PDB file of all heavy atoms in Angstrom:
ATOM      1  N   VAL A   1     110.640 102.959 109.318  1.00  0.00           N
ATOM      2  CA  VAL A   1     111.243 101.770 108.704  1.00  0.00           C
ATOM      3  C   VAL A   1     112.431 102.205 107.847  1.00  0.00           C
ATOM      4  O   VAL A   1     112.358 103.217 107.138  1.00  0.00           O
ATOM      5  CB  VAL A   1     110.216 101.007 107.851  1.00  0.00           C
ATOM      6  CG1 VAL A   1     110.878  99.859 107.087  1.00  0.00           C
ATOM      7  CG2 VAL A   1     109.083 100.488 108.724  1.00  0.00           C
ATOM      8  N   VAL A   2     113.516 101.446 107.886  1.00  0.00           N
ATOM      9  CA  VAL A   2     114.677 101.690 107.034  1.00  0.00           C
ATOM     10  C   VAL A   2     114.815 100.531 106.050  1.00  0.00           C
ATOM     11  O   VAL A   2     114.897  99.367 106.453  1.00  0.00           O
ATOM     12  CB  VAL A   2     115.971 101.834 107.862  1.00  0.00           C
ATOM     13  CG1 VAL A   2     117.182 101.953 106.938  1.00  0.00           C
ATOM     14  CG2 VAL A   2     115.879 103.029 108.789  1.00  0.00           C
ATOM     15  N   ILE A   3     114.818 100.849 104.753  1.00  0.00           N
ATOM     16  CA  ILE A   3     115.025  99.839 103.705  1.00  0.00           C
ATOM     17  C   ILE A   3     116.123 100.361 102.795  1.00  0.00           C
ATOM     18  O   ILE A   3     116.011 101.453 102.232  1.00  0.00           O
ATOM     19  CB  ILE A   3     113.743  99.578 102.899  1.00  0.00           C
ATOM     20  CG1 ILE A   3     112.585  99.204 103.829  1.00  0.00           C
ATOM     21  CG2 ILE A   3     113.985  98.468 101.879  1.00  0.00           C
ATOM     22  CD1 ILE A   3     111.263  99.007 103.111  1.00  0.00           C
ATOM     23  N   GLU A   4     117.186  99.605 102.637  1.00  0.00           N
ATOM     24  CA  GLU A   4     118.312 100.072 101.843  1.00  0.00           C
ATOM     25  C   GLU A   4     118.957  98.913 101.103  1.00  0.00           C
ATOM     26  O   GLU A   4     118.502  97.769 101.178  1.00  0.00           O
ATOM     27  CB  GLU A   4     119.338 100.788 102.727  1.00  0.00           C
ATOM     28  CG  GLU A   4     119.954  99.922 103.809  1.00  0.00           C
ATOM     29  CD  GLU A   4     121.001 100.686 104.610  1.00  0.00           C
ATOM     30  OE1 GLU A   4     120.643 101.644 105.318  1.00  0.00           O
ATOM     31  OE2 GLU A   4     122.190 100.291 104.521  1.00  0.00           O
ATOM     32  N   GLY A   5     120.039  99.223 100.370  1.00  0.00           N
ATOM     33  CA  GLY A   5     120.752  98.212  99.609  1.00  0.00           C
ATOM     34  C   GLY A   5     119.967  97.767  98.389  1.00  0.00           C
ATOM     35  O   GLY A   5     118.916  98.306  98.054  1.00  0.00           O
ATOM     36  N   HIS A   6     120.495  96.749  97.710  1.00  0.00           N
ATOM     37  CA  HIS A   6     119.808  96.161  96.556  1.00  0.00           C
ATOM     38  C   HIS A   6     118.730  95.223  97.098  1.00  0.00           C
ATOM     39  O   HIS A   6     118.910  94.010  97.184  1.00  0.00           O
ATOM     40  CB  HIS A   6     120.795  95.425  95.662  1.00  0.00           C
ATOM     41  CG  HIS A   6     121.703  96.344  94.894  1.00  0.00           C
ATOM     42  ND1 HIS A   6     121.398  96.815  93.644  1.00  0.00           N
ATOM     43  CD2 HIS A   6     122.889  96.901  95.235  1.00  0.00           C
ATOM     44  CE1 HIS A   6     122.368  97.610  93.211  1.00  0.00           C
ATOM     45  NE2 HIS A   6     123.285  97.665  94.169  1.00  0.00           N
ATOM     46  N   THR A   7     117.606  95.798  97.454  1.00  0.00           N
ATOM     47  CA  THR A   7     116.525  95.075  98.102  1.00  0.00           C
ATOM     48  C   THR A   7     115.293  95.078  97.214  1.00  0.00           C
ATOM     49  O   THR A   7     114.825  96.146  96.796  1.00  0.00           O
ATOM     50  CB  THR A   7     116.186  95.705  99.465  1.00  0.00           C
ATOM     51  OG1 THR A   7     117.312  95.569 100.329  1.00  0.00           O
ATOM     52  CG2 THR A   7     114.993  95.024 100.105  1.00  0.00           C
ATOM     53  N   TYR A   8     114.778  93.892  96.935  1.00  0.00           N
ATOM     54  CA  TYR A   8     113.524  93.749  96.189  1.00  0.00           C
ATOM     55  C   TYR A   8     112.454  93.235  97.138  1.00  0.00           C
ATOM     56  O   TYR A   8     112.657  92.218  97.817  1.00  0.00           O
ATOM     57  CB  TYR A   8     113.675  92.780  95.015  1.00  0.00           C
ATOM     58  CG  TYR A   8     112.352  92.496  94.331  1.00  0.00           C
ATOM     59  CD1 TYR A   8     111.886  93.340  93.324  1.00  0.00           C
ATOM     60  CD2 TYR A   8     111.568  91.408  94.707  1.00  0.00           C
ATOM     61  CE1 TYR A   8     110.664  93.105  92.706  1.00  0.00           C
ATOM     62  CE2 TYR A   8     110.345  91.173  94.101  1.00  0.00           C
ATOM     63  CZ  TYR A   8     109.900  92.018  93.096  1.00  0.00           C
ATOM     64  OH  TYR A   8     108.685  91.791  92.492  1.00  0.00           O
ATOM     65  N   ILE A   9     111.333  93.927  97.201  1.00  0.00           N
ATOM     66  CA  ILE A   9     110.196  93.526  98.021  1.00  0.00           C
ATOM     67  C   ILE A   9     108.994  93.373  97.108  1.00  0.00           C
ATOM     68  O   ILE A   9     108.655  94.295  96.359  1.00  0.00           O
ATOM     69  CB  ILE A   9     109.919  94.566  99.132  1.00  0.00           C
ATOM     70  CG1 ILE A   9     111.145  94.713 100.035  1.00  0.00           C
ATOM     71  CG2 ILE A   9     108.696  94.179  99.943  1.00  0.00           C
ATOM     72  CD1 ILE A   9     111.028  95.820 101.063  1.00  0.00           C
ATOM     73  N   GLY A  10     108.338  92.228  97.154  1.00  0.00           N
ATOM     74  CA  GLY A  10     107.238  91.938  96.242  1.00  0.00           C
ATOM     75  C   GLY A  10     105.943  92.661  96.610  1.00  0.00           C
ATOM     76  O   GLY A  10     105.948  93.718  97.251  1.00  0.00           O
ATOM     77  N   GLU A  11     104.836  92.054  96.227  1.00  0.00           N
ATOM     78  CA  GLU A  11     103.535  92.695  96.360  1.00  0.00           C
ATOM     79  C   GLU A  11     102.839  92.333  97.674  1.00  0.00           C
ATOM     80  O   GLU A  11     103.020  91.244  98.213  1.00  0.00           O
ATOM     81  CB  GLU A  11     102.649  92.288  95.188  1.00  0.00           C
ATOM     82  CG  GLU A  11     103.200  92.707  93.833  1.00  0.00           C
ATOM     83  CD  GLU A  11     102.290  92.315  92.690  1.00  0.00           C
ATOM     84  OE1 GLU A  11     101.232  91.690  92.942  1.00  0.00           O
ATOM     85  OE2 GLU A  11     102.639  92.623  91.529  1.00  0.00           O
ATOM     86  N   ASP A  12     102.028  93.280  98.152  1.00  0.00           N
ATOM     87  CA  ASP A  12     101.088  93.055  99.268  1.00  0.00           C
ATOM     88  C   ASP A  12     101.780  92.612 100.559  1.00  0.00           C
ATOM     89  O   ASP A  12     101.237  91.818 101.325  1.00  0.00           O
ATOM     90  CB  ASP A  12     100.018  92.036  98.861  1.00  0.00           C
ATOM     91  CG  ASP A  12      99.197  92.505  97.682  1.00  0.00           C
ATOM     92  OD1 ASP A  12      98.799  93.681  97.665  1.00  0.00           O
ATOM     93  OD2 ASP A  12      98.946  91.702  96.763  1.00  0.00           O
ATOM     94  N   ASN A  13     102.971  93.109 100.787  1.00  0.00           N
ATOM     95  CA  ASN A  13     103.644  92.875 102.065  1.00  0.00           C
ATOM     96  C   ASN A  13     103.234  93.942 103.074  1.00  0.00           C
ATOM     97  O   ASN A  13     102.829  95.043 102.704  1.00  0.00           O
ATOM     98  CB  ASN A  13     105.166  92.908 101.880  1.00  0.00           C
ATOM     99  CG  ASN A  13     105.660  91.779 101.020  1.00  0.00           C
ATOM    100  OD1 ASN A  13     105.764  90.638 101.465  1.00  0.00           O
ATOM    101  ND2 ASN A  13     105.964  92.082  99.761  1.00  0.00           N
ATOM    102  N   ARG A  14     103.350  93.619 104.351  1.00  0.00           N
ATOM    103  CA  ARG A  14     103.066  94.575 105.421  1.00  0.00           C
ATOM    104  C   ARG A  14     104.276  94.619 106.333  1.00  0.00           C
ATOM    105  O   ARG A  14     104.618  93.622 106.984  1.00  0.00           O
ATOM    106  CB  ARG A  14     101.821  94.138 106.201  1.00  0.00           C
ATOM    107  CG  ARG A  14     101.425  95.094 107.328  1.00  0.00           C
ATOM    108  CD  ARG A  14     100.839  96.392 106.787  1.00  0.00           C
ATOM    109  NE  ARG A  14     100.314  97.233 107.859  1.00  0.00           N
ATOM    110  CZ  ARG A  14     100.998  98.236 108.428  1.00  0.00           C
ATOM    111  NH1 ARG A  14     102.237  98.493 108.062  1.00  0.00           N
ATOM    112  NH2 ARG A  14     100.439  98.958 109.364  1.00  0.00           N
ATOM    113  N   ILE A  15     104.953  95.776 106.371  1.00  0.00           N
ATOM    114  CA  ILE A  15     106.163  95.948 107.160  1.00  0.00           C
ATOM    115  C   ILE A  15     105.874  96.971 108.251  1.00  0.00           C
ATOM    116  O   ILE A  15     105.524  98.117 107.965  1.00  0.00           O
ATOM    117  CB  ILE A  15     107.346  96.380 106.277  1.00  0.00           C
ATOM    118  CG1 ILE A  15     107.583  95.324 105.182  1.00  0.00           C
ATOM    119  CG2 ILE A  15     108.596  96.581 107.109  1.00  0.00           C
ATOM    120  CD1 ILE A  15     108.671  95.667 104.199  1.00  0.00           C
ATOM    121  N   TYR A  16     106.026  96.570 109.489  1.00  0.00           N
ATOM    122  CA  TYR A  16     105.620  97.364 110.640  1.00  0.00           C
ATOM    123  C   TYR A  16     106.735  98.307 111.100  1.00  0.00           C
ATOM    124  O   TYR A  16     107.888  98.191 110.666  1.00  0.00           O
ATOM    125  CB  TYR A  16     105.184  96.439 111.775  1.00  0.00           C
ATOM    126  CG  TYR A  16     103.788  95.890 111.587  1.00  0.00           C
ATOM    127  CD1 TYR A  16     103.520  94.909 110.628  1.00  0.00           C
ATOM    128  CD2 TYR A  16     102.723  96.363 112.348  1.00  0.00           C
ATOM    129  CE1 TYR A  16     102.242  94.413 110.446  1.00  0.00           C
ATOM    130  CE2 TYR A  16     101.432  95.868 112.175  1.00  0.00           C
ATOM    131  CZ  TYR A  16     101.200  94.899 111.227  1.00  0.00           C
ATOM    132  OH  TYR A  16      99.937  94.420 111.035  1.00  0.00           O
ATOM    133  N   PRO A  17     106.416  99.251 111.994  1.00  0.00           N
ATOM    134  CA  PRO A  17     107.379 100.291 112.387  1.00  0.00           C
ATOM    135  C   PRO A  17     108.693  99.750 112.960  1.00  0.00           C
ATOM    136  O   PRO A  17     108.744  98.710 113.590  1.00  0.00           O
ATOM    137  CB  PRO A  17     106.616 101.091 113.456  1.00  0.00           C
ATOM    138  CG  PRO A  17     105.174 100.932 113.079  1.00  0.00           C
ATOM    139  CD  PRO A  17     105.079  99.522 112.567  1.00  0.00           C
ATOM    140  N   PHE A  18     109.745 100.528 112.675  1.00  0.00           N
ATOM    141  CA  PHE A  18     111.087 100.340 113.234  1.00  0.00           C
ATOM    142  C   PHE A  18     111.790  99.088 112.718  1.00  0.00           C
ATOM    143  O   PHE A  18     112.810  98.680 113.290  1.00  0.00           O
ATOM    144  CB  PHE A  18     111.049 100.338 114.769  1.00  0.00           C
ATOM    145  CG  PHE A  18     110.516 101.627 115.351  1.00  0.00           C
ATOM    146  CD1 PHE A  18     109.211 101.702 115.802  1.00  0.00           C
ATOM    147  CD2 PHE A  18     111.319 102.753 115.413  1.00  0.00           C
ATOM    148  CE1 PHE A  18     108.705 102.889 116.317  1.00  0.00           C
ATOM    149  CE2 PHE A  18     110.825 103.943 115.921  1.00  0.00           C
ATOM    150  CZ  PHE A  18     109.520 104.018 116.391  1.00  0.00           C
ATOM    151  N   SER A  19     111.292  98.486 111.656  1.00  0.00           N
ATOM    152  CA  SER A  19     112.020  97.378 111.033  1.00  0.00           C
ATOM    153  C   SER A  19     113.212  97.917 110.247  1.00  0.00           C
ATOM    154  O   SER A  19     113.191  99.042 109.746  1.00  0.00           O
ATOM    155  CB  SER A  19     111.099  96.580 110.114  1.00  0.00           C
ATOM    156  OG  SER A  19     110.073  95.954 110.842  1.00  0.00           O
ATOM    157  N   SER A  20     114.236  97.080 110.111  1.00  0.00           N
ATOM    158  CA  SER A  20     115.436  97.434 109.352  1.00  0.00           C
ATOM    159  C   SER A  20     115.665  96.345 108.306  1.00  0.00           C
ATOM    160  O   SER A  20     115.978  95.203 108.637  1.00  0.00           O
ATOM    161  CB  SER A  20     116.635  97.548 110.296  1.00  0.00           C
ATOM    162  OG  SER A  20     117.806  97.861 109.586  1.00  0.00           O
ATOM    163  N   ILE A  21     115.523  96.714 107.051  1.00  0.00           N
ATOM    164  CA  ILE A  21     115.472  95.746 105.954  1.00  0.00           C
ATOM    165  C   ILE A  21     116.579  96.061 104.939  1.00  0.00           C
ATOM    166  O   ILE A  21     116.682  97.193 104.446  1.00  0.00           O
ATOM    167  CB  ILE A  21     114.101  95.801 105.239  1.00  0.00           C
ATOM    168  CG1 ILE A  21     112.938  95.741 106.235  1.00  0.00           C
ATOM    169  CG2 ILE A  21     114.000  94.696 104.194  1.00  0.00           C
ATOM    170  CD1 ILE A  21     112.835  94.475 107.002  1.00  0.00           C
ATOM    171  N   GLY A  22     117.393  95.049 104.618  1.00  0.00           N
ATOM    172  CA  GLY A  22     118.386  95.207 103.557  1.00  0.00           C
ATOM    173  C   GLY A  22     119.654  95.916 103.970  1.00  0.00           C
ATOM    174  O   GLY A  22     120.452  96.318 103.112  1.00  0.00           O
ATOM    175  N   THR A  23     119.875  96.059 105.271  1.00  0.00           N
ATOM    176  CA  THR A  23     121.111  96.677 105.733  1.00  0.00           C
ATOM    177  C   THR A  23     122.276  95.693 105.577  1.00  0.00           C
ATOM    178  O   THR A  23     122.073  94.502 105.354  1.00  0.00           O
ATOM    179  CB  THR A  23     120.958  97.122 107.196  1.00  0.00           C
ATOM    180  OG1 THR A  23     120.359  96.065 107.958  1.00  0.00           O
ATOM    181  CG2 THR A  23     120.060  98.355 107.290  1.00  0.00           C
ATOM    182  N   PRO A  24     123.521  96.167 105.677  1.00  0.00           N
ATOM    183  CA  PRO A  24     124.663  95.294 105.409  1.00  0.00           C
ATOM    184  C   PRO A  24     124.741  94.115 106.368  1.00  0.00           C
ATOM    185  O   PRO A  24     124.284  94.193 107.512  1.00  0.00           O
ATOM    186  CB  PRO A  24     125.866  96.228 105.599  1.00  0.00           C
ATOM    187  CG  PRO A  24     125.338  97.587 105.353  1.00  0.00           C
ATOM    188  CD  PRO A  24     123.939  97.567 105.886  1.00  0.00           C
ATOM    189  N   PRO A  25     125.343  93.025 105.919  1.00  0.00           N
ATOM    190  CA  PRO A  25     125.488  91.844 106.783  1.00  0.00           C
ATOM    191  C   PRO A  25     126.444  92.129 107.934  1.00  0.00           C
ATOM    192  O   PRO A  25     127.368  92.931 107.812  1.00  0.00           O
ATOM    193  CB  PRO A  25     126.065  90.793 105.837  1.00  0.00           C
ATOM    194  CG  PRO A  25     126.779  91.578 104.787  1.00  0.00           C
ATOM    195  CD  PRO A  25     125.960  92.818 104.592  1.00  0.00           C
ATOM    196  N   GLN A  26     126.209  91.447 109.055  1.00  0.00           N
ATOM    197  CA  GLN A  26     127.128  91.534 110.184  1.00  0.00           C
ATOM    198  C   GLN A  26     128.256  90.525 109.956  1.00  0.00           C
ATOM    199  O   GLN A  26     128.308  89.463 110.583  1.00  0.00           O
ATOM    200  CB  GLN A  26     126.368  91.254 111.488  1.00  0.00           C
ATOM    201  CG  GLN A  26     125.325  92.316 111.783  1.00  0.00           C
ATOM    202  CD  GLN A  26     124.557  92.066 113.057  1.00  0.00           C
ATOM    203  OE1 GLN A  26     124.363  92.960 113.868  1.00  0.00           O
ATOM    204  NE2 GLN A  26     124.091  90.839 113.241  1.00  0.00           N
ATOM    205  N   ASP A  27     129.139  90.886 109.060  1.00  0.00           N
ATOM    206  CA  ASP A  27     130.242  90.004 108.658  1.00  0.00           C
ATOM    207  C   ASP A  27     131.478  90.866 108.487  1.00  0.00           C
ATOM    208  O   ASP A  27     131.475  91.825 107.690  1.00  0.00           O
ATOM    209  CB  ASP A  27     129.885  89.291 107.347  1.00  0.00           C
ATOM    210  CG  ASP A  27     130.944  88.305 106.909  1.00  0.00           C
ATOM    211  OD1 ASP A  27     131.952  88.755 106.336  1.00  0.00           O
ATOM    212  OD2 ASP A  27     130.763  87.101 107.149  1.00  0.00           O
ATOM    213  N   ILE A  28     132.533  90.552 109.240  1.00  0.00           N
ATOM    214  CA  ILE A  28     133.716  91.416 109.225  1.00  0.00           C
ATOM    215  C   ILE A  28     134.423  91.412 107.878  1.00  0.00           C
ATOM    216  O   ILE A  28     135.228  92.303 107.596  1.00  0.00           O
ATOM    217  CB  ILE A  28     134.697  91.026 110.344  1.00  0.00           C
ATOM    218  CG1 ILE A  28     135.180  89.578 110.178  1.00  0.00           C
ATOM    219  CG2 ILE A  28     134.060  91.224 111.714  1.00  0.00           C
ATOM    220  CD1 ILE A  28     136.240  89.179 111.195  1.00  0.00           C
ATOM    221  N   GLY A  29     134.125  90.427 107.007  1.00  0.00           N
ATOM    222  CA  GLY A  29     134.745  90.380 105.697  1.00  0.00           C
ATOM    223  C   GLY A  29     133.985  91.138 104.631  1.00  0.00           C
ATOM    224  O   GLY A  29     134.459  91.243 103.490  1.00  0.00           O
ATOM    225  N   TYR A  30     132.825  91.665 104.956  1.00  0.00           N
ATOM    226  CA  TYR A  30     132.020  92.373 103.957  1.00  0.00           C
ATOM    227  C   TYR A  30     132.640  93.723 103.649  1.00  0.00           C
ATOM    228  O   TYR A  30     133.017  94.470 104.553  1.00  0.00           O
ATOM    229  CB  TYR A  30     130.595  92.530 104.480  1.00  0.00           C
ATOM    230  CG  TYR A  30     129.676  93.253 103.525  1.00  0.00           C
ATOM    231  CD1 TYR A  30     129.214  92.636 102.363  1.00  0.00           C
ATOM    232  CD2 TYR A  30     129.262  94.560 103.794  1.00  0.00           C
ATOM    233  CE1 TYR A  30     128.375  93.301 101.491  1.00  0.00           C
ATOM    234  CE2 TYR A  30     128.412  95.225 102.924  1.00  0.00           C
ATOM    235  CZ  TYR A  30     127.974  94.596 101.774  1.00  0.00           C
ATOM    236  OH  TYR A  30     127.139  95.269 100.912  1.00  0.00           O
ATOM    237  N   ARG A  31     132.718  94.045 102.355  1.00  0.00           N
ATOM    238  CA  ARG A  31     133.376  95.276 101.920  1.00  0.00           C
ATOM    239  C   ARG A  31     132.448  96.145 101.068  1.00  0.00           C
ATOM    240  O   ARG A  31     132.907  96.862 100.180  1.00  0.00           O
ATOM    241  CB  ARG A  31     134.656  94.943 101.136  1.00  0.00           C
ATOM    242  CG  ARG A  31     135.721  94.229 101.945  1.00  0.00           C
ATOM    243  CD  ARG A  31     136.329  95.161 103.005  1.00  0.00           C
ATOM    244  NE  ARG A  31     137.400  94.503 103.770  1.00  0.00           N
ATOM    245  CZ  ARG A  31     137.218  93.865 104.913  1.00  0.00           C
ATOM    246  NH1 ARG A  31     135.996  93.780 105.448  1.00  0.00           N
ATOM    247  NH2 ARG A  31     138.231  93.306 105.539  1.00  0.00           N
ATOM    248  N   GLY A  32     131.162  96.069 101.316  1.00  0.00           N
ATOM    249  CA  GLY A  32     130.236  96.943 100.604  1.00  0.00           C
ATOM    250  C   GLY A  32     129.824  96.461  99.230  1.00  0.00           C
ATOM    251  O   GLY A  32     129.279  97.237  98.424  1.00  0.00           O
ATOM    252  N   GLU A  33     130.032  95.169  98.941  1.00  0.00           N
ATOM    253  CA  GLU A  33     129.660  94.644  97.626  1.00  0.00           C
ATOM    254  C   GLU A  33     128.136  94.715  97.409  1.00  0.00           C
ATOM    255  O   GLU A  33     127.359  94.772  98.355  1.00  0.00           O
ATOM    256  CB  GLU A  33     130.128  93.191  97.477  1.00  0.00           C
ATOM    257  CG  GLU A  33     131.639  93.011  97.501  1.00  0.00           C
ATOM    258  CD  GLU A  33     132.209  92.786  98.890  1.00  0.00           C
ATOM    259  OE1 GLU A  33     131.476  92.998  99.869  1.00  0.00           O
ATOM    260  OE2 GLU A  33     133.395  92.404  98.982  1.00  0.00           O
ATOM    261  N   ASP A  34     127.732  94.670  96.142  1.00  0.00           N
ATOM    262  CA  ASP A  34     126.313  94.810  95.781  1.00  0.00           C
ATOM    263  C   ASP A  34     125.575  93.476  95.936  1.00  0.00           C
ATOM    264  O   ASP A  34     125.068  92.894  94.969  1.00  0.00           O
ATOM    265  CB  ASP A  34     126.173  95.324  94.344  1.00  0.00           C
ATOM    266  CG  ASP A  34     126.619  96.763  94.194  1.00  0.00           C
ATOM    267  OD1 ASP A  34     126.580  97.487  95.208  1.00  0.00           O
ATOM    268  OD2 ASP A  34     127.013  97.150  93.084  1.00  0.00           O
ATOM    269  N   THR A  35     125.522  92.990  97.148  1.00  0.00           N
ATOM    270  CA  THR A  35     124.752  91.781  97.417  1.00  0.00           C
ATOM    271  C   THR A  35     123.273  92.133  97.542  1.00  0.00           C
ATOM    272  O   THR A  35     122.887  93.305  97.580  1.00  0.00           O
ATOM    273  CB  THR A  35     125.255  91.101  98.695  1.00  0.00           C
ATOM    274  OG1 THR A  35     125.199  92.038  99.778  1.00  0.00           O
ATOM    275  CG2 THR A  35     126.691  90.618  98.515  1.00  0.00           C
ATOM    276  N   ARG A  36     122.414  91.122  97.647  1.00  0.00           N
ATOM    277  CA  ARG A  36     120.974  91.332  97.487  1.00  0.00           C
ATOM    278  C   ARG A  36     120.167  90.810  98.677  1.00  0.00           C
ATOM    279  O   ARG A  36     120.594  89.928  99.417  1.00  0.00           O
ATOM    280  CB  ARG A  36     120.477  90.603  96.218  1.00  0.00           C
ATOM    281  CG  ARG A  36     121.129  90.979  94.893  1.00  0.00           C
ATOM    282  CD  ARG A  36     120.913  92.428  94.558  1.00  0.00           C
ATOM    283  NE  ARG A  36     121.125  92.737  93.149  1.00  0.00           N
ATOM    284  CZ  ARG A  36     122.248  93.246  92.655  1.00  0.00           C
ATOM    285  NH1 ARG A  36     123.288  93.449  93.449  1.00  0.00           N
ATOM    286  NH2 ARG A  36     122.335  93.552  91.370  1.00  0.00           N
ATOM    287  N   LEU A  37     118.958  91.377  98.780  1.00  0.00           N
ATOM    288  CA  LEU A  37     117.898  90.828  99.612  1.00  0.00           C
ATOM    289  C   LEU A  37     116.659  90.745  98.749  1.00  0.00           C
ATOM    290  O   LEU A  37     116.257  91.744  98.134  1.00  0.00           O
ATOM    291  CB  LEU A  37     117.633  91.699 100.839  1.00  0.00           C
ATOM    292  CG  LEU A  37     116.361  91.385 101.628  1.00  0.00           C
ATOM    293  CD1 LEU A  37     116.396  89.976 102.198  1.00  0.00           C
ATOM    294  CD2 LEU A  37     116.139  92.408 102.740  1.00  0.00           C
ATOM    295  N   ASN A  38     116.059  89.576  98.685  1.00  0.00           N
ATOM    296  CA  ASN A  38     114.879  89.353  97.849  1.00  0.00           C
ATOM    297  C   ASN A  38     113.735  88.847  98.721  1.00  0.00           C
ATOM    298  O   ASN A  38     113.828  87.765  99.301  1.00  0.00           O
ATOM    299  CB  ASN A  38     115.210  88.339  96.744  1.00  0.00           C
ATOM    300  CG  ASN A  38     114.134  88.274  95.671  1.00  0.00           C
ATOM    301  OD1 ASN A  38     112.953  88.432  95.953  1.00  0.00           O
ATOM    302  ND2 ASN A  38     114.546  88.027  94.442  1.00  0.00           N
ATOM    303  N   ILE A  39     112.661  89.626  98.806  1.00  0.00           N
ATOM    304  CA  ILE A  39     111.490  89.277  99.614  1.00  0.00           C
ATOM    305  C   ILE A  39     110.298  89.103  98.686  1.00  0.00           C
ATOM    306  O   ILE A  39     110.048  89.946  97.814  1.00  0.00           O
ATOM    307  CB  ILE A  39     111.200  90.376 100.656  1.00  0.00           C
ATOM    308  CG1 ILE A  39     112.371  90.493 101.632  1.00  0.00           C
ATOM    309  CG2 ILE A  39     109.910  90.093 101.413  1.00  0.00           C
ATOM    310  CD1 ILE A  39     112.232  91.621 102.644  1.00  0.00           C
ATOM    311  N   GLY A  40     109.546  88.012  98.874  1.00  0.00           N
ATOM    312  CA  GLY A  40     108.425  87.699  97.995  1.00  0.00           C
ATOM    313  C   GLY A  40     107.171  88.492  98.320  1.00  0.00           C
ATOM    314  O   GLY A  40     107.227  89.668  98.690  1.00  0.00           O
ATOM    315  N   ASP A  41     106.024  87.837  98.203  1.00  0.00           N
ATOM    316  CA  ASP A  41     104.721  88.498  98.321  1.00  0.00           C
ATOM    317  C   ASP A  41     104.006  88.116  99.619  1.00  0.00           C
ATOM    318  O   ASP A  41     104.202  87.029 100.167  1.00  0.00           O
ATOM    319  CB  ASP A  41     103.818  88.096  97.147  1.00  0.00           C
ATOM    320  CG  ASP A  41     104.418  88.432  95.790  1.00  0.00           C
ATOM    321  OD1 ASP A  41     105.180  89.416  95.698  1.00  0.00           O
ATOM    322  OD2 ASP A  41     104.129  87.703  94.819  1.00  0.00           O
ATOM    323  N   LYS A  42     103.170  89.030 100.103  1.00  0.00           N
ATOM    324  CA  LYS A  42     102.216  88.781 101.196  1.00  0.00           C
ATOM    325  C   LYS A  42     102.895  88.329 102.489  1.00  0.00           C
ATOM    326  O   LYS A  42     102.365  87.504 103.232  1.00  0.00           O
ATOM    327  CB  LYS A  42     101.159  87.762 100.760  1.00  0.00           C
ATOM    328  CG  LYS A  42     100.324  88.234  99.577  1.00  0.00           C
ATOM    329  CD  LYS A  42      99.277  87.221  99.161  1.00  0.00           C
ATOM    330  CE  LYS A  42      98.448  87.745  97.988  1.00  0.00           C
ATOM    331  NZ  LYS A  42      97.434  86.777  97.548  1.00  0.00           N
ATOM    332  N   ASN A  43     104.062  88.879 102.744  1.00  0.00           N
ATOM    333  CA  ASN A  43     104.736  88.627 104.012  1.00  0.00           C
ATOM    334  C   ASN A  43     104.311  89.667 105.047  1.00  0.00           C
ATOM    335  O   ASN A  43     103.995  90.806 104.707  1.00  0.00           O
ATOM    336  CB  ASN A  43     106.250  88.684 103.834  1.00  0.00           C
ATOM    337  CG  ASN A  43     106.763  87.598 102.930  1.00  0.00           C
ATOM    338  OD1 ASN A  43     106.849  86.436 103.323  1.00  0.00           O
ATOM    339  ND2 ASN A  43     107.099  87.958 101.696  1.00  0.00           N
TER     340      ASN A  43
END
């Protein structure tokens, strides 16, 4: 699993193999700004 960026993941989540979490957006205007991903609990 790859988790990067300013990513918050809450409690009791289950993330399975080969997932990619918090990687940069697929947007040609993105310039590496400190944007966020926020994931709650029990996902």
